Protein backbone atom coordinates (compact mmCIF):
# COMPACT_ATOMS: atom_id res chain seq x y z
CA UNK A 1 -34.66 25.45 183.98
CA UNK A 2 -32.29 24.45 181.20
CA UNK A 3 -31.49 28.08 180.40
CA UNK A 4 -30.68 28.79 184.05
CA UNK A 5 -28.37 25.80 184.15
CA UNK A 6 -26.62 26.71 180.91
CA UNK A 7 -26.31 30.46 181.50
CA UNK A 8 -26.42 30.86 185.27
CA UNK A 9 -23.65 33.46 185.31
CA UNK A 10 -25.55 35.70 182.91
CA UNK A 11 -28.82 35.27 184.81
CA UNK A 12 -27.12 36.24 188.07
CA UNK A 13 -25.37 39.31 186.72
CA UNK A 14 -27.95 40.62 184.26
CA UNK A 15 -31.26 39.61 185.83
CA UNK A 16 -31.05 38.77 189.54
CA UNK A 17 -28.71 41.62 190.47
CA UNK A 18 -30.71 44.11 188.37
CA UNK A 19 -33.90 43.12 190.23
CA UNK A 20 -32.14 43.43 193.57
CA UNK A 21 -30.97 46.92 192.66
CA UNK A 22 -34.60 47.98 192.24
CA UNK A 23 -35.48 46.98 195.81
CA UNK A 24 -34.98 48.84 199.06
CA UNK A 25 -32.63 46.07 200.18
CA UNK A 26 -29.94 47.31 197.80
CA UNK A 27 -27.57 50.06 198.86
CA UNK A 28 -24.50 51.43 197.14
CA UNK A 29 -21.23 50.39 198.78
CA UNK A 30 -17.74 51.84 198.57
CA UNK A 31 -14.67 50.02 197.30
CA UNK A 32 -13.30 50.03 200.86
CA UNK A 33 -16.31 48.15 202.26
CA UNK A 34 -15.32 44.74 203.66
CA UNK A 35 -18.80 43.54 204.54
CA UNK A 36 -20.74 41.94 201.64
CA UNK A 37 -24.06 43.38 200.60
CA UNK A 38 -25.41 39.86 200.22
CA UNK A 39 -24.18 36.31 199.63
CA UNK A 40 -25.10 34.01 196.72
CA UNK A 41 -25.04 30.27 197.30
CA UNK A 42 -25.19 28.03 194.24
CA UNK A 43 -23.88 24.84 192.66
CA UNK A 44 -20.92 24.42 190.30
CA UNK A 45 -22.92 25.53 187.22
CA UNK A 46 -21.73 29.14 187.64
CA UNK A 47 -18.22 28.21 188.72
CA UNK A 48 -15.53 30.63 187.57
CA UNK A 49 -13.09 32.34 189.97
CA UNK A 50 -12.88 35.47 187.77
CA UNK A 51 -16.69 35.76 187.85
CA UNK A 52 -16.69 35.48 191.66
CA UNK A 53 -14.03 38.18 191.87
CA UNK A 54 -16.05 40.46 189.59
CA UNK A 55 -19.17 40.04 191.73
CA UNK A 56 -17.21 41.11 194.79
CA UNK A 57 -15.33 44.02 193.22
CA UNK A 58 -18.33 45.41 191.31
CA UNK A 59 -21.26 44.71 193.61
CA UNK A 60 -19.75 43.56 196.95
CA UNK A 61 -21.56 40.24 196.55
CA UNK A 62 -19.93 37.21 198.16
CA UNK A 63 -20.35 33.64 196.91
CA UNK A 64 -20.40 30.19 198.48
CA UNK A 65 -20.08 27.25 196.12
CA UNK A 66 -18.36 23.91 195.59
CA UNK A 67 -14.83 23.95 194.20
CA UNK A 68 -14.27 22.18 190.87
CA UNK A 69 -11.34 20.03 189.73
CA UNK A 70 -9.98 19.20 193.17
CA UNK A 71 -6.87 17.04 192.71
CA UNK A 72 -5.39 16.86 196.20
CA UNK A 73 -6.36 15.65 199.65
CA UNK A 74 -5.61 17.55 202.82
CA UNK A 75 -4.01 15.77 205.73
CA UNK A 76 -6.65 14.27 208.04
CA UNK A 77 -4.80 15.91 210.93
CA UNK A 78 -6.08 19.30 209.71
CA UNK A 79 -9.72 18.40 210.33
CA UNK A 80 -11.56 19.15 213.55
CA UNK A 81 -14.87 17.86 214.85
CA UNK A 82 -17.43 20.65 214.78
CA UNK A 83 -21.19 21.00 215.13
CA UNK A 84 -22.75 22.41 211.97
CA UNK A 85 -26.33 23.68 211.74
CA UNK A 86 -27.99 22.43 208.55
CA UNK A 87 -31.66 23.42 208.16
CA UNK A 88 -32.10 23.87 211.92
CA UNK A 89 -30.57 20.44 212.57
CA UNK A 90 -27.21 20.03 214.30
CA UNK A 91 -24.85 17.74 212.41
CA UNK A 92 -21.38 16.75 213.59
CA UNK A 93 -18.78 17.07 210.82
CA UNK A 94 -15.02 16.89 210.34
CA UNK A 95 -14.21 20.40 209.03
CA UNK A 96 -11.04 22.24 208.02
CA UNK A 97 -10.27 25.61 206.41
CA UNK A 98 -7.25 26.91 204.47
CA UNK A 99 -6.63 29.72 202.01
CA UNK A 100 -6.26 28.91 198.32
CA UNK A 101 -5.50 30.75 195.08
CA UNK A 102 -7.75 30.03 192.09
CA UNK A 103 -7.34 31.77 188.76
CA UNK A 104 -5.09 34.36 190.37
CA UNK A 105 -7.65 35.24 193.09
CA UNK A 106 -7.60 34.37 196.76
CA UNK A 107 -10.43 32.37 198.35
CA UNK A 108 -11.22 30.66 201.61
CA UNK A 109 -11.50 26.90 201.11
CA UNK A 110 -13.49 24.80 203.55
CA UNK A 111 -13.47 21.02 203.36
CA UNK A 112 -15.61 18.34 204.96
CA UNK A 113 -14.06 14.92 205.58
CA UNK A 114 -16.61 12.14 205.07
CA UNK A 115 -16.63 8.74 206.72
CA UNK A 116 -15.36 7.18 203.47
CA UNK A 117 -12.39 9.57 203.41
CA UNK A 118 -13.86 11.72 200.63
CA UNK A 119 -13.22 15.44 201.01
CA UNK A 120 -15.94 17.85 199.87
CA UNK A 121 -14.35 21.19 198.92
CA UNK A 122 -16.22 24.49 199.30
CA UNK A 123 -14.90 27.94 198.44
CA UNK A 124 -16.07 31.41 199.43
CA UNK A 125 -14.85 34.99 199.22
CA UNK A 126 -16.97 36.04 202.20
CA UNK A 127 -14.42 37.59 204.56
CA UNK A 128 -16.13 36.97 207.91
CA UNK A 129 -18.70 34.15 207.61
CA UNK A 130 -17.95 31.44 210.18
CA UNK A 131 -16.53 28.20 208.81
CA UNK A 132 -19.42 26.17 210.21
CA UNK A 133 -21.94 28.60 208.69
CA UNK A 134 -20.32 28.25 205.25
CA UNK A 135 -20.64 24.46 205.44
CA UNK A 136 -24.17 24.57 206.83
CA UNK A 137 -25.48 26.90 204.14
CA UNK A 138 -24.04 25.03 201.16
CA UNK A 139 -25.21 21.65 202.45
CA UNK A 140 -28.63 23.18 203.17
CA UNK A 141 -29.14 23.54 199.42
CA UNK A 142 -30.11 19.86 199.32
CA UNK A 143 -33.60 20.79 200.52
CA UNK A 144 -34.09 23.11 197.53
CA UNK A 145 -32.92 20.45 195.08
CA UNK A 146 -35.23 17.86 196.63
CA UNK A 147 -38.15 20.32 196.58
CA UNK A 148 -37.93 20.93 192.84
CA UNK A 149 -37.19 17.27 192.09
CA UNK A 150 -40.36 16.14 193.85
CA UNK A 151 -42.42 18.92 192.27
CA UNK A 152 -41.28 17.80 188.82
CA UNK A 153 -41.62 14.10 189.60
CA UNK A 154 -44.96 14.08 191.42
CA UNK A 155 -46.74 17.25 190.32
CA UNK A 156 -45.56 17.76 186.72
CA UNK A 157 -44.13 21.10 187.71
CA UNK A 158 -42.26 21.45 184.41
CA UNK A 159 -45.28 20.71 182.18
CA UNK A 160 -47.11 23.37 180.18
CA UNK A 161 -50.31 24.60 181.82
CA UNK A 162 -51.74 26.17 178.68
CA UNK A 163 -51.24 26.46 174.94
CA UNK A 164 -50.98 29.71 173.04
CA UNK A 165 -48.79 31.91 170.88
CA UNK A 166 -46.79 34.98 171.65
CA UNK A 167 -44.29 37.23 169.91
CA UNK A 168 -40.67 36.32 170.58
CA UNK A 169 -37.51 38.32 170.17
CA UNK A 170 -36.17 37.60 166.68
CA UNK A 171 -32.64 38.42 167.87
CA UNK A 172 -32.70 36.19 170.94
CA UNK A 173 -29.76 33.80 170.97
CA UNK A 174 -30.49 30.16 171.73
CA UNK A 175 -28.11 27.26 172.19
CA UNK A 176 -28.14 24.59 169.51
CA UNK A 177 -29.33 21.39 171.31
CA UNK A 178 -26.74 19.28 169.50
CA UNK A 179 -23.99 21.72 170.49
CA UNK A 180 -25.21 21.64 174.08
CA UNK A 181 -25.15 17.83 174.11
CA UNK A 182 -21.67 17.62 172.60
CA UNK A 183 -20.34 20.40 174.81
CA UNK A 184 -21.69 18.62 177.88
CA UNK A 185 -20.04 15.37 176.78
CA UNK A 186 -16.78 17.23 176.14
CA UNK A 187 -16.81 18.66 179.66
CA UNK A 188 -17.52 15.23 181.14
CA UNK A 189 -14.66 13.66 179.19
CA UNK A 190 -12.34 16.45 180.30
CA UNK A 191 -13.28 15.84 183.94
CA UNK A 192 -12.61 12.11 183.51
CA UNK A 193 -9.16 12.83 182.07
CA UNK A 194 -8.34 15.18 184.95
CA UNK A 195 -9.43 12.59 187.53
CA UNK A 196 -7.27 9.92 185.87
CA UNK A 197 -4.27 12.25 185.67
CA UNK A 198 -4.68 13.21 189.33
CA UNK A 199 -4.34 9.49 190.23
CA UNK A 200 -1.32 8.96 188.00
CA UNK A 201 0.90 11.97 188.64
CA UNK A 202 1.68 11.20 192.34
CA UNK A 203 2.89 7.75 191.22
CA UNK A 204 4.95 9.28 188.43
CA UNK A 205 6.50 11.79 190.82
CA UNK A 206 7.44 9.02 193.26
CA UNK A 207 9.06 7.00 190.46
CA UNK A 208 10.94 10.05 189.17
CA UNK A 209 12.20 10.89 192.66
CA UNK A 210 13.24 7.29 193.34
CA UNK A 211 15.19 6.95 190.08
CA UNK A 212 16.37 10.58 189.95
CA UNK A 213 14.50 11.41 186.76
CA UNK A 214 14.33 15.21 186.16
CA UNK A 215 11.01 16.92 186.89
CA UNK A 216 9.41 18.11 183.60
CA UNK A 217 8.37 21.37 185.28
CA UNK A 218 11.96 22.16 186.29
CA UNK A 219 14.01 21.30 183.23
CA UNK A 220 17.60 22.53 183.12
CA UNK A 221 20.16 22.24 180.35
CA UNK A 222 19.78 19.01 178.42
CA UNK A 223 17.72 17.24 181.10
CA UNK A 224 14.62 15.89 179.45
CA UNK A 225 12.08 13.26 180.30
CA UNK A 226 12.31 10.13 178.08
CA UNK A 227 10.49 10.73 174.82
CA UNK A 228 8.18 7.75 175.42
CA UNK A 229 7.00 9.42 178.63
CA UNK A 230 5.62 12.37 176.64
CA UNK A 231 4.36 10.22 173.77
CA UNK A 232 2.51 7.97 176.20
CA UNK A 233 0.71 10.92 177.74
CA UNK A 234 -0.35 12.10 174.27
CA UNK A 235 -1.68 8.63 173.40
CA UNK A 236 -3.63 8.35 176.65
CA UNK A 237 -5.18 11.77 176.12
CA UNK A 238 -6.09 10.98 172.51
CA UNK A 239 -7.65 7.57 173.13
CA UNK A 240 -8.88 8.20 176.73
CA UNK A 241 -7.33 4.94 177.88
CA UNK A 242 -8.01 3.85 181.48
CA UNK A 243 -5.76 4.39 184.47
CA UNK A 244 -4.18 0.91 184.10
CA UNK A 245 -2.89 1.91 180.64
CA UNK A 246 -0.93 4.71 182.25
CA UNK A 247 0.91 2.25 184.48
CA UNK A 248 1.70 -0.04 181.53
CA UNK A 249 2.96 2.80 179.33
CA UNK A 250 4.65 5.07 181.83
CA UNK A 251 6.09 3.16 184.74
CA UNK A 252 8.26 0.60 182.89
CA UNK A 253 9.82 3.50 180.98
CA UNK A 254 10.39 5.44 184.19
CA UNK A 255 11.71 2.50 186.20
CA UNK A 256 14.29 1.49 183.58
CA UNK A 257 15.69 4.97 183.05
CA UNK A 258 19.29 5.40 184.16
């Protein structure tokens, strides 16, 4: 289970697809084919837009998965009330779809607006799958997750059923557990920083627009952001200070700039 989680991309491309190619379900498709041979639905563990593009271009396999690092909210006016079939149950959802570019590749992005205002973002490169079907299939994964959770919790599904020895591949690469732990923590910290920055930047942009401070992404001539603006961002990144620290460090500097 751990290996699948850590190396899901490799398992998909070098094991699952190879097994599919040995079945009668697999047929060779041309580069002009617009209909996918099959569709893979999985969680964020295998998330990488370039990987999704490669699956489509090489094998004509479409994907449906959650989008990572979402930093914006769509206008609530874009959402429509639609009936979505999830595991043979009809659920009413607020759904919207737009196109989006990720890593230089174009995807369909479908979002669900929850009662709390949270927007769940889903992406797919399937060219024809109905919007409601995309949402229904990804949300239907919950049953699989619950199935394995209960098997592990109540039936010791992940316990060894026997003891013995066998020859292993001496050249097999394994992940150092300490590296895996630190790498996981690094990813979590990076996600926290991105979430904090996504809260701060709209406020910074409003302050810059109000006080006519030049945009750092559109510098011209000698226009530069105040040096403490850049230094503050470096300090916050280094020490992972909370969102309130951003307001203390940034906004007074921005608001007093001529």
